[in-house]
Amino acid sequence: MSHSLADKSAIVTGAGKGIGRAIAETFAANGARVALFDLDETAANDAVSAIGEAGGEAIFVKCDVSDQSSVRAAAAEVLAAFSGIDILVNNAGIANIGTATSTNEDDFDRVMRVNTKGVYNCLHVILPHMVDGGGGAVLNMSSIASITGIPDRFAYSASKGAVHTMTMSVATDYIDHGIRCNCICPARVHTPFVDGYLEKNYPDNKEEMFEKLSKAQPIGRMASPAEIGELALYLCSDAAGFVTGSAWPIDGGFMNVRK
């Protein structure tokens, strides 16, 4: 079956860089009109320009997913531009390093506000429009941290665990409204965040640490954002019309392969 998104309108949150940008570019390359939600105007406008130069259609909408009023205003802008919303990709998120005792309250609240409440805000605001439009596809960005223990990722794991279970809840509550909801659970993906993390924490041995992080996946490398984009394309296309309420690991064998 075709993975075409022709005549579909999609929202991708956190779409200025990394995984979100790759998803937006992949969707646009396959015919979708894409609204890129982000706070980073420079990065998002650069992504919109790249999509346009490649022949796609995209707009940038400034949005703070942790603020429901911001999401509401952004959704209204998309509806005015595209006259409907067929696909919602909840990708925006932040990372945090720490255990239950080393994570302070402010950091915990910040991670939950963006990663968990941000997904809730988008679902709460946008799902009714998708129902009114006859259905569609929702894709949430979870993580392997939602299904296995990752050292020093207490708050992040908690937030992604919530995203995982919200996915099942939405799939159940909206199946009779023609809405499918799935989530993706990646292992490490080589994004600008990874490069920034290494630069900040391991400036003298970045290459060594990059190799170590890469080899945590049995396949021997990190995923590329484009690979996540291709899975997102499938799950949001009609080719996945029988797929809902599922969590899809894309992890280079992290969960099930031992060397």
Protein backbone atom coordinates (compact mmCIF):
# COMPACT_ATOMS: atom_id res chain seq x y z
CA MET A 1 0.00 0.00 0.00
CA SER A 2 1.06 3.57 -0.62
CA HIS A 3 2.68 5.66 2.10
CA SER A 4 1.48 8.82 0.35
CA LEU A 5 0.16 11.63 2.54
CA ALA A 6 -1.27 13.58 -0.38
CA ASP A 7 -4.13 15.88 0.66
CA LYS A 8 -3.28 15.36 4.35
CA SER A 9 -2.51 18.13 6.81
CA ALA A 10 -0.07 17.34 9.61
CA ILE A 11 1.21 19.00 12.77
CA VAL A 12 4.66 18.02 14.02
CA THR A 13 5.73 19.47 17.37
CA GLY A 14 9.37 20.17 18.12
CA ALA A 15 9.95 20.19 14.39
CA GLY A 16 12.81 22.66 14.11
CA LYS A 17 15.61 20.13 14.57
CA GLY A 18 16.50 16.48 14.89
CA ILE A 19 13.75 13.88 14.79
CA GLY A 20 10.95 16.42 14.45
CA ARG A 21 12.54 18.07 11.45
CA ALA A 22 13.18 14.70 9.81
CA ILE A 23 9.53 13.73 10.29
CA ALA A 24 8.32 17.05 8.89
CA GLU A 25 10.59 16.74 5.86
CA THR A 26 9.56 13.13 5.23
CA PHE A 27 5.87 13.97 5.48
CA ALA A 28 6.21 16.94 3.14
CA ALA A 29 8.20 14.88 0.64
CA ASN A 30 5.28 12.45 0.57
CA GLY A 31 2.62 15.05 -0.11
CA ALA A 32 1.50 16.36 3.26
CA ARG A 33 0.96 19.97 4.19
CA VAL A 34 3.00 20.29 7.38
CA ALA A 35 2.78 22.76 10.27
CA LEU A 36 6.01 22.87 12.26
CA PHE A 37 5.39 23.74 15.93
CA ASP A 38 8.48 24.99 17.74
CA LEU A 39 9.83 27.79 19.92
CA ASP A 40 13.07 28.10 17.97
CA GLU A 41 12.07 30.44 15.15
CA THR A 42 15.44 30.31 13.39
CA ALA A 43 15.63 26.52 13.28
CA ALA A 44 11.98 26.06 12.32
CA ASN A 45 12.09 28.68 9.56
CA ASP A 46 15.22 27.03 8.21
CA ALA A 47 13.35 23.72 8.10
CA VAL A 48 10.37 25.34 6.37
CA SER A 49 12.70 26.85 3.77
CA ALA A 50 14.36 23.50 3.14
CA ILE A 51 10.98 21.84 2.69
CA GLY A 52 9.88 24.54 0.27
CA GLU A 53 13.08 24.27 -1.75
CA ALA A 54 12.46 20.53 -2.06
CA GLY A 55 8.98 21.17 -3.44
CA GLY A 56 6.99 20.58 -0.25
CA GLU A 57 4.47 22.72 1.61
CA ALA A 58 5.10 23.78 5.20
CA ILE A 59 4.46 26.60 7.64
CA PHE A 60 6.10 27.53 10.93
CA VAL A 61 3.80 28.13 13.90
CA LYS A 62 5.42 29.32 17.10
CA CYS A 63 4.11 27.20 19.95
CA ASP A 64 4.99 26.34 23.53
CA VAL A 65 3.42 22.92 23.97
CA SER A 66 3.58 23.24 27.76
CA ASP A 67 1.14 26.19 27.58
CA GLN A 68 -2.37 25.16 26.57
CA SER A 69 -3.32 28.67 25.44
CA SER A 70 -0.29 28.66 23.11
CA VAL A 71 -1.35 25.30 21.68
CA ARG A 72 -4.89 26.56 21.18
CA ALA A 73 -3.68 29.63 19.29
CA ALA A 74 -1.30 27.54 17.19
CA ALA A 75 -4.04 25.04 16.28
CA ALA A 76 -6.28 27.89 15.18
CA GLU A 77 -3.51 29.15 12.90
CA VAL A 78 -3.16 25.72 11.33
CA LEU A 79 -6.90 25.40 10.78
CA ALA A 80 -6.94 28.79 9.08
CA ALA A 81 -4.06 27.78 6.81
CA PHE A 82 -4.96 24.17 6.05
CA SER A 83 -8.72 23.94 6.83
CA GLY A 84 -8.24 20.72 8.78
CA ILE A 85 -5.86 18.49 10.73
CA ASP A 86 -5.40 14.86 9.73
CA ILE A 87 -2.17 13.96 11.54
CA LEU A 88 -0.70 14.98 14.89
CA VAL A 89 2.85 14.02 15.81
CA ASN A 90 3.69 14.78 19.44
CA ASN A 91 7.46 14.93 19.19
CA ALA A 92 8.47 17.95 21.31
CA GLY A 93 10.44 16.93 24.37
CA ILE A 94 13.44 17.61 26.57
CA ALA A 95 15.95 15.35 28.27
CA ASN A 96 17.19 15.21 31.84
CA ILE A 97 19.93 13.26 33.57
CA GLY A 98 19.55 12.09 37.15
CA THR A 99 18.23 9.50 39.58
CA ALA A 100 15.24 9.79 41.92
CA THR A 101 17.47 11.40 44.55
CA SER A 102 19.69 13.57 42.35
CA THR A 103 16.83 15.01 40.25
CA ASN A 104 15.65 18.25 41.84
CA GLU A 105 12.03 19.31 41.94
CA ASP A 106 12.37 22.09 39.39
CA ASP A 107 13.96 19.78 36.82
CA PHE A 108 11.36 17.08 37.42
CA ASP A 109 8.52 19.58 36.97
CA ARG A 110 10.13 21.02 33.84
CA VAL A 111 10.48 17.61 32.18
CA MET A 112 6.93 16.61 33.03
CA ARG A 113 5.57 19.97 31.90
CA VAL A 114 7.09 19.65 28.43
CA ASN A 115 7.18 15.91 27.80
CA THR A 116 3.92 14.87 29.45
CA LYS A 117 1.70 17.90 29.83
CA GLY A 118 2.80 19.06 26.38
CA VAL A 119 1.41 15.88 24.85
CA TYR A 120 -1.78 16.22 26.89
CA ASN A 121 -2.21 19.84 25.77
CA CYS A 122 -1.90 18.94 22.10
CA LEU A 123 -4.24 15.98 22.43
CA HIS A 124 -6.78 17.99 24.41
CA VAL A 125 -6.85 20.84 21.91
CA ILE A 126 -6.38 19.05 18.59
CA LEU A 127 -8.27 15.75 18.94
CA PRO A 128 -11.72 17.42 18.75
CA HIS A 129 -10.78 18.97 15.39
CA MET A 130 -9.62 15.59 14.12
CA VAL A 131 -12.90 14.01 15.26
CA ASP A 132 -14.86 16.75 13.48
CA GLY A 133 -12.82 16.06 10.36
CA GLY A 134 -13.68 12.38 10.34
CA GLY A 135 -10.58 10.91 12.02
CA GLY A 136 -6.87 10.69 11.42
CA ALA A 137 -3.62 9.48 12.94
CA VAL A 138 -1.84 10.47 16.15
CA LEU A 139 1.78 9.51 16.72
CA ASN A 140 3.51 10.10 20.05
CA MET A 141 7.26 10.07 20.54
CA SER A 142 7.99 7.80 23.47
CA SER A 143 11.32 6.05 24.14
CA ILE A 144 12.81 2.72 25.07
CA ALA A 145 13.12 4.44 28.47
CA SER A 146 9.36 3.89 28.79
CA ILE A 147 9.71 0.11 28.61
CA THR A 148 13.08 -0.65 30.23
CA GLY A 149 15.33 0.81 32.88
CA ILE A 150 17.90 3.34 31.63
CA PRO A 151 20.51 4.57 34.15
CA ASP A 152 20.19 8.19 35.32
CA ARG A 153 17.01 8.95 33.40
CA PHE A 154 14.46 9.03 36.24
CA ALA A 155 12.39 12.07 35.23
CA TYR A 156 12.75 11.42 31.51
CA SER A 157 11.67 7.80 31.92
CA ALA A 158 8.67 8.86 34.00
CA SER A 159 7.61 11.35 31.35
CA LYS A 160 7.95 8.88 28.50
CA GLY A 161 6.16 6.18 30.46
CA ALA A 162 3.22 8.57 30.67
CA VAL A 163 3.40 9.21 26.92
CA HIS A 164 3.37 5.45 26.33
CA THR A 165 0.22 4.90 28.40
CA MET A 166 -1.52 8.01 27.03
CA THR A 167 -1.05 6.42 23.61
CA MET A 168 -3.01 3.32 24.66
CA SER A 169 -5.70 5.45 26.27
CA VAL A 170 -6.23 7.63 23.19
CA ALA A 171 -6.24 4.58 20.93
CA THR A 172 -9.00 3.07 23.07
CA ASP A 173 -11.10 6.20 23.55
CA TYR A 174 -11.04 7.35 19.93
CA ILE A 175 -11.13 4.12 17.91
CA ASP A 176 -14.81 4.66 17.14
CA HIS A 177 -14.03 8.17 15.91
CA GLY A 178 -11.70 6.94 13.16
CA ILE A 179 -8.53 7.97 15.00
CA ARG A 180 -5.54 5.67 15.27
CA CYS A 181 -2.90 6.38 17.92
CA ASN A 182 0.54 4.78 18.16
CA CYS A 183 3.90 5.64 19.63
CA ILE A 184 7.52 5.16 18.62
CA CYS A 185 10.12 4.04 21.17
CA PRO A 186 13.59 4.89 19.83
CA ALA A 187 16.93 4.04 21.33
CA ARG A 188 19.66 6.64 20.79
CA VAL A 189 19.27 8.81 17.72
CA HIS A 190 22.10 10.98 16.41
CA THR A 191 20.57 14.44 16.77
CA PRO A 192 22.02 17.89 17.56
CA PHE A 193 21.12 17.17 21.20
CA VAL A 194 23.61 14.29 21.30
CA ASP A 195 26.36 16.47 19.85
CA GLY A 196 25.60 19.23 22.34
CA TYR A 197 25.53 16.78 25.23
CA LEU A 198 28.95 15.43 24.31
CA GLU A 199 30.40 18.89 23.79
CA LYS A 200 29.15 20.02 27.20
CA ASN A 201 29.99 16.94 29.26
CA TYR A 202 32.90 15.30 27.42
CA PRO A 203 34.77 18.07 25.57
CA ASP A 204 38.11 16.24 25.76
CA ASN A 205 36.93 12.80 24.63
CA LYS A 206 33.86 13.39 22.48
CA GLU A 207 34.81 10.79 19.89
CA GLU A 208 35.38 8.09 22.50
CA MET A 209 32.05 8.78 24.20
CA PHE A 210 30.21 8.96 20.88
CA GLU A 211 31.54 5.50 20.05
CA LYS A 212 30.50 4.20 23.46
CA LEU A 213 26.98 5.58 23.12
CA SER A 214 26.74 4.19 19.60
CA LYS A 215 27.76 0.70 20.64
CA ALA A 216 25.07 0.58 23.33
CA GLN A 217 22.85 -0.47 20.43
CA PRO A 218 23.80 -4.02 19.36
CA ILE A 219 23.61 -2.95 15.73
CA GLY A 220 26.65 -0.80 16.49
CA ARG A 221 25.41 2.72 15.79
CA MET A 222 22.74 5.27 16.62
CA ALA A 223 19.67 5.71 14.45
CA SER A 224 19.49 8.61 12.04
CA PRO A 225 16.57 11.03 12.35
CA ALA A 226 15.58 10.06 8.79
CA GLU A 227 15.06 6.45 9.89
CA ILE A 228 12.64 7.60 12.58
CA GLY A 229 10.94 9.75 9.94
CA GLU A 230 10.35 6.73 7.71
CA LEU A 231 8.68 4.77 10.52
CA ALA A 232 6.57 7.81 11.38
CA LEU A 233 5.52 8.05 7.73
CA TYR A 234 4.33 4.45 7.71
CA LEU A 235 2.40 4.74 10.97
CA CYS A 236 0.65 7.94 9.87
CA SER A 237 -0.17 6.71 6.37
CA ASP A 238 -3.11 4.63 5.19
CA ALA A 239 -0.72 1.70 4.83
CA ALA A 240 -0.93 1.37 8.64
CA GLY A 241 -4.71 1.50 8.66
CA PHE A 242 -4.92 -1.67 10.80
CA VAL A 243 -2.36 -0.43 13.35
CA THR A 244 -3.43 1.32 16.54
CA GLY A 245 -2.58 1.20 20.23
CA SER A 246 0.93 -0.04 19.46
CA ALA A 247 4.38 0.94 20.71
CA TRP A 248 7.08 0.50 18.07
CA PRO A 249 10.68 0.03 19.24
CA ILE A 250 13.23 1.30 16.75
CA ASP A 251 16.29 0.51 18.77
CA GLY A 252 19.02 -1.26 16.81
CA GLY A 253 18.37 -4.41 18.82
CA PHE A 254 18.69 -2.71 22.23
CA MET A 255 15.71 -4.46 23.77
CA ASN A 256 16.00 -7.99 22.41
CA VAL A 257 19.40 -8.64 20.82
CA ARG A 258 22.43 -9.68 22.85
CA LYS A 259 25.93 -9.95 21.43
